[in-house]
């Protein structure tokens, strides 16, 4: 796992081998950030189901104002914390080692950019997207990057406008916008 562009381009990040976390492949990550262009710069970002923090750390490298990571796995949280320390970005990041549903329910912050990459074999998409809307955690406008397994496309609520949808091998990406 590495940072592909921005301030920390080329920096290798900590991770470990597991079948429970699938860091976003460089090809997919590059495609996502090519779609976003400079959007993360100065924005408040949220990395849900963060895994090792790959997407949020990339956003930080590309100038995000703040990045909040939410990950329930304690070992994964340690890796995210280590990577935050490695990059020296403690002042612009927050790490929440808890369930995504609890985080959304208790958060009062609004976000410009949200990465959603839950475990593929679970049906977290609908609940997560609905909760983000119900608890009003999205700024107007906000962009959501939703990663899913090819051929298992999640249902997108009508309040979100799909900007782009594309498959990259076995990974699908939906870029959606909230326009309150």
N, C-alpha and C. Protein backbone atom coordinates (compact mmCIF):
# COMPACT_ATOMS: atom_id res chain seq x y z
N UNK A 1 0.84 -1.17 0.00
CA UNK A 1 0.00 0.00 0.00
C UNK A 1 0.89 1.24 0.00
N UNK A 2 0.55 2.19 -0.87
CA UNK A 2 1.37 3.40 -0.96
C UNK A 2 0.50 4.59 -1.35
N UNK A 3 1.05 5.78 -1.12
CA UNK A 3 0.41 7.02 -1.57
C UNK A 3 0.82 7.23 -3.02
N UNK A 4 -0.15 7.53 -3.90
CA UNK A 4 0.18 7.63 -5.32
C UNK A 4 0.38 9.06 -5.82
N UNK A 5 -0.06 10.07 -5.05
CA UNK A 5 0.13 11.45 -5.51
C UNK A 5 0.03 12.40 -4.31
N UNK A 6 0.39 13.64 -4.57
CA UNK A 6 0.30 14.66 -3.53
C UNK A 6 1.57 14.80 -2.73
N UNK A 7 1.44 15.41 -1.57
CA UNK A 7 2.56 15.73 -0.69
C UNK A 7 3.39 14.50 -0.32
N UNK A 8 2.73 13.36 -0.16
CA UNK A 8 3.42 12.15 0.30
C UNK A 8 3.58 11.11 -0.80
N UNK A 9 3.57 11.55 -2.05
CA UNK A 9 3.65 10.64 -3.20
C UNK A 9 4.80 9.64 -3.03
N UNK A 10 4.47 8.38 -3.27
CA UNK A 10 5.48 7.32 -3.21
C UNK A 10 5.72 6.74 -1.83
N UNK A 11 5.17 7.35 -0.78
CA UNK A 11 5.39 6.83 0.57
C UNK A 11 4.68 5.51 0.76
N UNK A 12 5.41 4.54 1.25
CA UNK A 12 4.82 3.23 1.55
C UNK A 12 4.12 3.32 2.90
N UNK A 13 2.98 2.65 2.98
CA UNK A 13 2.17 2.66 4.20
C UNK A 13 2.18 1.29 4.84
N UNK A 14 1.96 1.26 6.15
CA UNK A 14 1.89 0.00 6.86
C UNK A 14 0.58 -0.71 6.54
N UNK A 15 0.65 -2.03 6.50
CA UNK A 15 -0.53 -2.88 6.35
C UNK A 15 -0.11 -4.28 6.78
N UNK A 16 -1.00 -5.21 6.66
CA UNK A 16 -0.66 -6.61 6.92
C UNK A 16 -1.55 -7.48 6.04
N UNK A 17 -1.15 -8.71 5.84
CA UNK A 17 -1.92 -9.64 5.00
C UNK A 17 -3.13 -10.14 5.76
N UNK A 18 -4.31 -9.99 5.15
CA UNK A 18 -5.55 -10.50 5.72
C UNK A 18 -6.58 -10.61 4.61
N UNK A 19 -7.49 -11.53 4.76
CA UNK A 19 -8.57 -11.62 3.78
C UNK A 19 -9.78 -10.78 4.20
N UNK A 20 -9.68 -10.08 5.32
CA UNK A 20 -10.78 -9.26 5.82
C UNK A 20 -10.70 -7.81 5.35
N UNK A 21 -9.55 -7.38 4.84
CA UNK A 21 -9.37 -6.01 4.35
C UNK A 21 -8.83 -6.08 2.94
N UNK A 22 -9.45 -5.30 2.03
CA UNK A 22 -8.97 -5.22 0.66
C UNK A 22 -8.62 -3.76 0.38
N UNK A 23 -7.38 -3.38 0.57
CA UNK A 23 -7.02 -2.00 0.23
C UNK A 23 -7.36 -1.71 -1.23
N UNK A 24 -7.87 -0.53 -1.48
CA UNK A 24 -8.22 -0.15 -2.84
C UNK A 24 -6.97 -0.21 -3.71
N UNK A 25 -7.06 -0.91 -4.82
CA UNK A 25 -5.92 -1.06 -5.73
C UNK A 25 -5.51 0.30 -6.28
N UNK A 26 -4.21 0.45 -6.56
CA UNK A 26 -3.70 1.72 -7.08
C UNK A 26 -4.44 2.17 -8.32
N UNK A 27 -4.76 1.25 -9.23
CA UNK A 27 -5.45 1.60 -10.47
C UNK A 27 -6.82 2.23 -10.17
N UNK A 28 -7.54 1.64 -9.21
CA UNK A 28 -8.87 2.14 -8.84
C UNK A 28 -8.73 3.46 -8.10
N UNK A 29 -7.77 3.52 -7.19
CA UNK A 29 -7.55 4.75 -6.42
C UNK A 29 -7.19 5.90 -7.35
N UNK A 30 -6.32 5.65 -8.31
CA UNK A 30 -5.93 6.67 -9.27
C UNK A 30 -7.14 7.13 -10.10
N UNK A 31 -7.98 6.19 -10.52
CA UNK A 31 -9.18 6.55 -11.29
C UNK A 31 -10.11 7.42 -10.45
N UNK A 32 -10.31 7.05 -9.19
CA UNK A 32 -11.19 7.83 -8.31
C UNK A 32 -10.67 9.26 -8.16
N UNK A 33 -9.38 9.41 -7.88
CA UNK A 33 -8.84 10.74 -7.65
C UNK A 33 -8.70 11.52 -8.96
N UNK A 34 -8.61 10.85 -10.10
CA UNK A 34 -8.67 11.56 -11.38
C UNK A 34 -10.06 12.15 -11.62
N UNK A 35 -11.08 11.44 -11.17
CA UNK A 35 -12.45 11.96 -11.26
C UNK A 35 -12.60 13.17 -10.33
N UNK A 36 -12.05 13.06 -9.13
CA UNK A 36 -12.19 14.13 -8.13
C UNK A 36 -11.33 15.35 -8.45
N UNK A 37 -10.26 15.16 -9.22
CA UNK A 37 -9.30 16.23 -9.51
C UNK A 37 -8.81 16.86 -8.22
N UNK A 38 -8.98 18.15 -8.03
CA UNK A 38 -8.51 18.83 -6.81
C UNK A 38 -9.58 18.92 -5.74
N UNK A 39 -10.70 18.22 -5.91
CA UNK A 39 -11.81 18.37 -4.97
C UNK A 39 -11.42 18.16 -3.51
N UNK A 40 -10.58 17.18 -3.17
CA UNK A 40 -10.27 17.00 -1.74
C UNK A 40 -9.56 18.19 -1.08
N UNK A 41 -8.91 19.03 -1.86
CA UNK A 41 -8.11 20.13 -1.30
C UNK A 41 -8.97 21.02 -0.40
N UNK A 42 -8.59 21.09 0.88
CA UNK A 42 -9.27 21.94 1.84
C UNK A 42 -10.61 21.42 2.33
N UNK A 43 -11.01 20.25 1.90
CA UNK A 43 -12.34 19.71 2.24
C UNK A 43 -12.28 18.81 3.47
N UNK A 44 -13.45 18.64 4.09
CA UNK A 44 -13.61 17.73 5.21
C UNK A 44 -14.01 16.36 4.66
N UNK A 45 -13.15 15.36 4.91
CA UNK A 45 -13.34 14.03 4.34
C UNK A 45 -13.64 13.00 5.43
N UNK A 46 -14.41 11.99 5.05
CA UNK A 46 -14.77 10.90 5.95
C UNK A 46 -14.49 9.59 5.25
N UNK A 47 -13.70 8.73 5.88
CA UNK A 47 -13.36 7.42 5.34
C UNK A 47 -14.05 6.38 6.21
N UNK A 48 -15.21 5.87 5.73
CA UNK A 48 -15.99 4.87 6.47
C UNK A 48 -15.54 3.46 6.10
N UNK A 49 -15.58 2.57 7.08
CA UNK A 49 -15.07 1.20 6.88
C UNK A 49 -13.64 1.32 6.36
N UNK A 50 -12.84 2.10 7.05
CA UNK A 50 -11.55 2.58 6.56
C UNK A 50 -10.52 1.48 6.29
N UNK A 51 -10.65 0.32 6.89
CA UNK A 51 -9.65 -0.73 6.65
C UNK A 51 -8.30 -0.28 7.16
N UNK A 52 -7.36 -0.04 6.25
CA UNK A 52 -6.04 0.49 6.62
C UNK A 52 -5.95 1.99 6.38
N UNK A 53 -7.05 2.64 5.94
CA UNK A 53 -7.06 4.09 5.74
C UNK A 53 -6.55 4.55 4.39
N UNK A 54 -6.45 3.65 3.45
CA UNK A 54 -5.86 3.92 2.14
C UNK A 54 -6.44 5.16 1.45
N UNK A 55 -7.78 5.24 1.33
CA UNK A 55 -8.39 6.36 0.61
C UNK A 55 -8.29 7.66 1.38
N UNK A 56 -8.53 7.62 2.67
CA UNK A 56 -8.42 8.83 3.48
C UNK A 56 -7.01 9.38 3.53
N UNK A 57 -6.02 8.49 3.61
CA UNK A 57 -4.62 8.93 3.62
C UNK A 57 -4.24 9.56 2.28
N UNK A 58 -4.76 9.00 1.19
CA UNK A 58 -4.52 9.58 -0.13
C UNK A 58 -5.14 10.98 -0.21
N UNK A 59 -6.35 11.13 0.33
CA UNK A 59 -7.00 12.45 0.35
C UNK A 59 -6.18 13.44 1.16
N UNK A 60 -5.64 12.99 2.29
CA UNK A 60 -4.79 13.87 3.11
C UNK A 60 -3.55 14.30 2.34
N UNK A 61 -2.95 13.37 1.60
CA UNK A 61 -1.77 13.69 0.80
C UNK A 61 -2.09 14.72 -0.28
N UNK A 62 -3.34 14.70 -0.73
CA UNK A 62 -3.76 15.61 -1.80
C UNK A 62 -4.38 16.89 -1.26
N UNK A 63 -4.17 17.16 0.03
CA UNK A 63 -4.53 18.46 0.58
C UNK A 63 -5.85 18.58 1.29
N UNK A 64 -6.48 17.45 1.65
CA UNK A 64 -7.75 17.53 2.39
C UNK A 64 -7.56 18.38 3.64
N UNK A 65 -8.59 19.14 4.00
CA UNK A 65 -8.53 19.96 5.21
C UNK A 65 -8.50 19.09 6.45
N UNK A 66 -9.44 18.15 6.54
CA UNK A 66 -9.48 17.17 7.63
C UNK A 66 -9.87 15.83 7.04
N UNK A 67 -9.45 14.78 7.73
CA UNK A 67 -9.86 13.43 7.36
C UNK A 67 -10.21 12.68 8.65
N UNK A 68 -11.44 12.18 8.71
CA UNK A 68 -11.88 11.35 9.82
C UNK A 68 -11.98 9.91 9.32
N UNK A 69 -11.38 9.00 10.07
CA UNK A 69 -11.38 7.58 9.73
C UNK A 69 -12.29 6.84 10.71
N UNK A 70 -13.13 5.94 10.20
CA UNK A 70 -13.97 5.12 11.07
C UNK A 70 -13.72 3.66 10.71
N UNK A 71 -13.25 2.90 11.70
CA UNK A 71 -12.91 1.49 11.49
C UNK A 71 -13.14 0.75 12.80
N UNK A 72 -13.86 -0.35 12.73
CA UNK A 72 -14.19 -1.11 13.94
C UNK A 72 -13.08 -2.07 14.36
N UNK A 73 -12.29 -2.57 13.44
CA UNK A 73 -11.24 -3.54 13.77
C UNK A 73 -10.09 -2.91 14.53
N UNK A 74 -9.79 -3.41 15.73
CA UNK A 74 -8.76 -2.80 16.56
C UNK A 74 -7.37 -2.88 15.92
N UNK A 75 -7.07 -3.99 15.29
CA UNK A 75 -5.75 -4.12 14.63
C UNK A 75 -5.65 -3.13 13.45
N UNK A 76 -6.74 -3.00 12.71
CA UNK A 76 -6.76 -2.04 11.60
C UNK A 76 -6.64 -0.61 12.11
N UNK A 77 -7.30 -0.30 13.22
CA UNK A 77 -7.19 1.04 13.81
C UNK A 77 -5.75 1.36 14.17
N UNK A 78 -5.06 0.37 14.71
CA UNK A 78 -3.64 0.59 15.05
C UNK A 78 -2.84 0.90 13.79
N UNK A 79 -3.09 0.18 12.70
CA UNK A 79 -2.38 0.43 11.44
C UNK A 79 -2.69 1.84 10.93
N UNK A 80 -3.96 2.25 10.97
CA UNK A 80 -4.31 3.61 10.53
C UNK A 80 -3.58 4.63 11.40
N UNK A 81 -3.59 4.43 12.72
CA UNK A 81 -2.88 5.34 13.62
C UNK A 81 -1.39 5.41 13.32
N UNK A 82 -0.80 4.25 13.06
CA UNK A 82 0.63 4.21 12.71
C UNK A 82 0.89 4.98 11.41
N UNK A 83 -0.01 4.83 10.42
CA UNK A 83 0.18 5.53 9.14
C UNK A 83 -0.03 7.04 9.30
N UNK A 84 -0.95 7.44 10.14
CA UNK A 84 -1.13 8.87 10.44
C UNK A 84 0.15 9.43 11.04
N UNK A 85 0.71 8.70 12.01
CA UNK A 85 1.98 9.12 12.63
C UNK A 85 3.12 9.15 11.61
N UNK A 86 3.18 8.12 10.78
CA UNK A 86 4.22 8.02 9.76
C UNK A 86 4.22 9.24 8.84
N UNK A 87 3.03 9.71 8.47
CA UNK A 87 2.91 10.86 7.58
C UNK A 87 2.93 12.19 8.34
N UNK A 88 2.83 12.15 9.66
CA UNK A 88 2.86 13.38 10.47
C UNK A 88 1.62 14.25 10.26
N UNK A 89 0.44 13.62 10.16
CA UNK A 89 -0.78 14.39 9.87
C UNK A 89 -1.79 14.31 11.03
N UNK A 90 -1.28 14.16 12.23
CA UNK A 90 -2.15 14.04 13.40
C UNK A 90 -3.08 15.24 13.57
N UNK A 91 -2.61 16.42 13.22
CA UNK A 91 -3.40 17.64 13.45
C UNK A 91 -4.60 17.76 12.50
N UNK A 92 -4.61 17.03 11.42
CA UNK A 92 -5.72 17.15 10.47
C UNK A 92 -6.55 15.87 10.37
N UNK A 93 -6.31 14.91 11.28
CA UNK A 93 -7.02 13.64 11.22
C UNK A 93 -7.63 13.28 12.57
N UNK A 94 -8.68 12.50 12.52
CA UNK A 94 -9.29 11.90 13.70
C UNK A 94 -9.54 10.44 13.38
N UNK A 95 -9.28 9.59 14.35
CA UNK A 95 -9.46 8.15 14.18
C UNK A 95 -10.52 7.67 15.16
N UNK A 96 -11.59 7.11 14.64
CA UNK A 96 -12.68 6.60 15.45
C UNK A 96 -12.72 5.08 15.31
N UNK A 97 -12.34 4.40 16.38
CA UNK A 97 -12.31 2.94 16.38
C UNK A 97 -13.64 2.44 16.91
N UNK A 98 -14.62 2.44 16.02
CA UNK A 98 -15.97 2.06 16.42
C UNK A 98 -16.78 1.66 15.21
N UNK A 99 -17.98 1.19 15.46
CA UNK A 99 -18.93 0.80 14.43
C UNK A 99 -19.37 2.03 13.65
N UNK A 100 -19.49 1.90 12.33
CA UNK A 100 -19.88 3.01 11.46
C UNK A 100 -21.26 3.55 11.85
N UNK A 101 -22.20 2.65 12.13
CA UNK A 101 -23.56 3.07 12.47
C UNK A 101 -23.55 3.96 13.73
N UNK A 102 -22.80 3.56 14.76
CA UNK A 102 -22.69 4.36 15.99
C UNK A 102 -22.04 5.71 15.72
N UNK A 103 -20.99 5.69 14.90
CA UNK A 103 -20.32 6.95 14.57
C UNK A 103 -21.29 7.92 13.91
N UNK A 104 -22.00 7.46 12.90
CA UNK A 104 -22.92 8.33 12.17
C UNK A 104 -24.00 8.87 13.10
N UNK A 105 -24.53 8.02 13.94
CA UNK A 105 -25.60 8.41 14.85
C UNK A 105 -25.15 9.50 15.83
N UNK A 106 -23.87 9.48 16.23
CA UNK A 106 -23.38 10.40 17.25
C UNK A 106 -22.56 11.57 16.73
N UNK A 107 -22.29 11.60 15.44
CA UNK A 107 -21.47 12.67 14.88
C UNK A 107 -22.31 13.92 14.62
N UNK A 108 -21.68 15.07 14.79
CA UNK A 108 -22.35 16.34 14.48
C UNK A 108 -21.64 17.07 13.34
N UNK A 109 -20.57 16.50 12.85
CA UNK A 109 -19.78 17.12 11.79
C UNK A 109 -20.39 16.81 10.43
N UNK A 110 -20.25 17.74 9.49
CA UNK A 110 -20.71 17.53 8.12
C UNK A 110 -19.49 17.41 7.22
N UNK A 111 -19.63 16.61 6.15
CA UNK A 111 -18.50 16.28 5.30
C UNK A 111 -18.75 16.66 3.84
N UNK A 112 -17.64 17.03 3.16
CA UNK A 112 -17.66 17.34 1.73
C UNK A 112 -17.45 16.09 0.88
N UNK A 113 -16.67 15.15 1.40
CA UNK A 113 -16.26 13.96 0.65
C UNK A 113 -16.31 12.75 1.57
N UNK A 114 -17.04 11.71 1.14
CA UNK A 114 -17.18 10.50 1.95
C UNK A 114 -16.79 9.28 1.11
N UNK A 115 -15.89 8.46 1.65
CA UNK A 115 -15.51 7.20 1.05
C UNK A 115 -16.27 6.09 1.77
N UNK A 116 -16.94 5.23 1.01
CA UNK A 116 -17.71 4.14 1.60
C UNK A 116 -17.25 2.83 0.93
N UNK A 117 -16.57 2.00 1.72
CA UNK A 117 -16.01 0.75 1.20
C UNK A 117 -16.22 -0.35 2.23
N UNK A 118 -17.49 -0.76 2.45
CA UNK A 118 -17.75 -1.78 3.48
C UNK A 118 -17.35 -3.18 3.02
N UNK A 119 -17.37 -4.12 3.96
CA UNK A 119 -17.13 -5.51 3.55
C UNK A 119 -18.11 -5.89 2.45
N UNK A 120 -17.61 -6.49 1.40
CA UNK A 120 -18.44 -6.81 0.24
C UNK A 120 -19.57 -7.79 0.56
N UNK A 121 -19.34 -8.72 1.45
CA UNK A 121 -20.33 -9.75 1.70
C UNK A 121 -21.40 -9.33 2.70
N UNK A 122 -21.38 -8.10 3.13
CA UNK A 122 -22.38 -7.59 4.06
C UNK A 122 -23.23 -6.56 3.34
N UNK A 123 -24.43 -6.34 3.83
CA UNK A 123 -25.32 -5.36 3.21
C UNK A 123 -25.31 -4.06 4.00
N UNK A 124 -24.17 -3.40 4.03
CA UNK A 124 -24.02 -2.15 4.76
C UNK A 124 -24.38 -0.92 3.93
N UNK A 125 -24.41 -1.05 2.63
CA UNK A 125 -24.55 0.11 1.75
C UNK A 125 -25.81 0.91 2.03
N UNK A 126 -26.95 0.26 1.94
CA UNK A 126 -28.23 0.97 2.10
C UNK A 126 -28.31 1.63 3.47
N UNK A 127 -28.00 0.89 4.54
CA UNK A 127 -28.07 1.44 5.89
C UNK A 127 -27.13 2.63 6.06
N UNK A 128 -25.93 2.52 5.52
CA UNK A 128 -24.95 3.60 5.66
C UNK A 128 -25.38 4.85 4.90
N UNK A 129 -25.78 4.67 3.65
CA UNK A 129 -26.21 5.82 2.84
C UNK A 129 -27.43 6.49 3.45
N UNK A 130 -28.39 5.69 3.89
CA UNK A 130 -29.60 6.24 4.52
C UNK A 130 -29.26 6.99 5.79
N UNK A 131 -28.38 6.42 6.62
CA UNK A 131 -27.99 7.08 7.87
C UNK A 131 -27.27 8.41 7.62
N UNK A 132 -26.36 8.43 6.63
CA UNK A 132 -25.67 9.69 6.31
C UNK A 132 -26.68 10.79 5.95
N UNK A 133 -27.72 10.41 5.23
CA UNK A 133 -28.76 11.37 4.85
C UNK A 133 -29.65 11.72 6.05
N UNK A 134 -30.10 10.73 6.78
CA UNK A 134 -31.01 10.95 7.91
C UNK A 134 -30.37 11.79 9.02
N UNK A 135 -29.09 11.54 9.29
CA UNK A 135 -28.40 12.28 10.35
C UNK A 135 -27.71 13.54 9.83
N UNK A 136 -27.92 13.85 8.57
CA UNK A 136 -27.48 15.09 7.93
C UNK A 136 -25.97 15.33 8.10
N UNK A 137 -25.18 14.33 7.75
CA UNK A 137 -23.73 14.45 7.84
C UNK A 137 -23.08 14.93 6.55
N UNK A 138 -23.89 15.25 5.53
CA UNK A 138 -23.35 15.67 4.24
C UNK A 138 -23.54 17.17 4.04
N UNK A 139 -22.45 17.82 3.62
CA UNK A 139 -22.55 19.23 3.25
C UNK A 139 -23.29 19.35 1.93
N UNK A 140 -23.65 20.54 1.57
CA UNK A 140 -24.34 20.78 0.30
C UNK A 140 -23.46 21.66 -0.57
N UNK A 141 -22.81 21.10 -1.59
CA UNK A 141 -22.86 19.71 -2.05
C UNK A 141 -21.82 18.85 -1.35
N UNK A 142 -22.00 17.55 -1.47
CA UNK A 142 -21.02 16.57 -0.99
C UNK A 142 -20.88 15.49 -2.06
N UNK A 143 -19.69 14.91 -2.12
CA UNK A 143 -19.41 13.82 -3.06
C UNK A 143 -19.17 12.55 -2.25
N UNK A 144 -19.76 11.46 -2.73
CA UNK A 144 -19.59 10.15 -2.10
C UNK A 144 -18.94 9.21 -3.11
N UNK A 145 -17.93 8.49 -2.66
CA UNK A 145 -17.27 7.46 -3.45
C UNK A 145 -17.65 6.12 -2.84
N UNK A 146 -18.37 5.31 -3.61
CA UNK A 146 -18.89 4.05 -3.10
C UNK A 146 -18.22 2.91 -3.88
N UNK A 147 -17.47 2.09 -3.17
CA UNK A 147 -16.75 0.97 -3.79
C UNK A 147 -17.52 -0.31 -3.51
N UNK A 148 -17.68 -1.14 -4.55
CA UNK A 148 -18.43 -2.38 -4.40
C UNK A 148 -17.84 -3.46 -5.30
N UNK A 149 -18.24 -4.69 -5.04
CA UNK A 149 -17.79 -5.81 -5.86
C UNK A 149 -18.60 -5.81 -7.15
N UNK A 150 -17.90 -5.97 -8.27
CA UNK A 150 -18.55 -6.02 -9.58
C UNK A 150 -19.74 -6.98 -9.54
N UNK A 151 -20.81 -6.59 -10.18
CA UNK A 151 -22.06 -7.36 -10.27
C UNK A 151 -22.87 -7.38 -8.98
N UNK A 152 -22.45 -6.67 -7.96
CA UNK A 152 -23.21 -6.53 -6.72
C UNK A 152 -23.46 -5.06 -6.43
N UNK A 153 -23.95 -4.35 -7.42
CA UNK A 153 -24.15 -2.91 -7.33
C UNK A 153 -25.16 -2.56 -6.23
N UNK A 154 -24.77 -1.67 -5.31
CA UNK A 154 -25.71 -1.29 -4.25
C UNK A 154 -26.79 -0.34 -4.76
N UNK A 155 -27.90 -0.34 -4.07
CA UNK A 155 -28.99 0.60 -4.37
C UNK A 155 -28.60 1.98 -3.84
N UNK A 156 -28.78 2.99 -4.67
CA UNK A 156 -28.41 4.36 -4.31
C UNK A 156 -29.69 5.16 -4.04
N UNK A 157 -29.83 5.79 -2.86
CA UNK A 157 -31.04 6.56 -2.57
C UNK A 157 -31.26 7.68 -3.59
N UNK A 158 -32.52 8.02 -3.81
CA UNK A 158 -32.89 9.04 -4.78
C UNK A 158 -32.34 10.42 -4.48
N UNK A 159 -31.96 10.69 -3.22
CA UNK A 159 -31.40 12.00 -2.86
C UNK A 159 -29.99 12.20 -3.39
N UNK A 160 -29.40 11.13 -3.90
CA UNK A 160 -28.03 11.19 -4.42
C UNK A 160 -28.06 11.10 -5.94
N UNK A 161 -27.31 11.97 -6.58
CA UNK A 161 -27.20 11.99 -8.04
C UNK A 161 -25.95 11.22 -8.43
N UNK A 162 -26.10 10.19 -9.25
CA UNK A 162 -24.94 9.42 -9.70
C UNK A 162 -24.23 10.21 -10.80
N UNK A 163 -22.97 10.55 -10.54
CA UNK A 163 -22.17 11.32 -11.49
C UNK A 163 -21.43 10.39 -12.44
N UNK A 164 -20.91 9.30 -11.88
CA UNK A 164 -20.14 8.35 -12.70
C UNK A 164 -20.23 6.99 -12.05
N UNK A 165 -20.20 5.98 -12.92
CA UNK A 165 -20.21 4.60 -12.45
C UNK A 165 -19.35 3.79 -13.40
N UNK A 166 -18.41 3.04 -12.82
CA UNK A 166 -17.50 2.28 -13.69
C UNK A 166 -16.95 1.09 -12.93
N UNK A 167 -16.73 0.01 -13.69
CA UNK A 167 -16.08 -1.18 -13.14
C UNK A 167 -14.60 -1.16 -13.52
N UNK A 168 -13.77 -1.53 -12.55
CA UNK A 168 -12.33 -1.66 -12.77
C UNK A 168 -11.97 -3.09 -12.37
N UNK A 169 -12.04 -3.99 -13.34
CA UNK A 169 -11.83 -5.40 -13.02
C UNK A 169 -12.98 -5.88 -12.15
N UNK A 170 -12.67 -6.42 -11.00
CA UNK A 170 -13.71 -6.94 -10.11
C UNK A 170 -14.25 -5.90 -9.13
N UNK A 171 -13.79 -4.66 -9.25
CA UNK A 171 -14.22 -3.59 -8.36
C UNK A 171 -15.06 -2.58 -9.12
N UNK A 172 -16.19 -2.23 -8.54
CA UNK A 172 -17.04 -1.18 -9.11
C UNK A 172 -16.97 0.07 -8.26
N UNK A 173 -17.07 1.21 -8.91
CA UNK A 173 -17.06 2.50 -8.22
C UNK A 173 -18.28 3.30 -8.66
N UNK A 174 -18.96 3.87 -7.69
CA UNK A 174 -20.02 4.84 -7.97
C UNK A 174 -19.58 6.16 -7.36
N UNK A 175 -19.61 7.22 -8.16
CA UNK A 175 -19.37 8.56 -7.65
C UNK A 175 -20.74 9.23 -7.64
N UNK A 176 -21.19 9.63 -6.46
CA UNK A 176 -22.50 10.24 -6.32
C UNK A 176 -22.37 11.59 -5.64
N UNK A 177 -23.34 12.45 -5.91
CA UNK A 177 -23.32 13.79 -5.31
C UNK A 177 -24.62 14.03 -4.55
N UNK A 178 -24.47 14.63 -3.40
CA UNK A 178 -25.62 15.09 -2.60
C UNK A 178 -25.76 16.58 -2.83
N UNK A 179 -26.96 17.00 -3.18
CA UNK A 179 -27.20 18.42 -3.44
C UNK A 179 -28.34 18.95 -2.57
N UNK A 180 -28.34 18.51 -1.29
CA UNK A 180 -29.31 18.93 -0.30
C UNK A 180 -30.51 19.55 -0.82
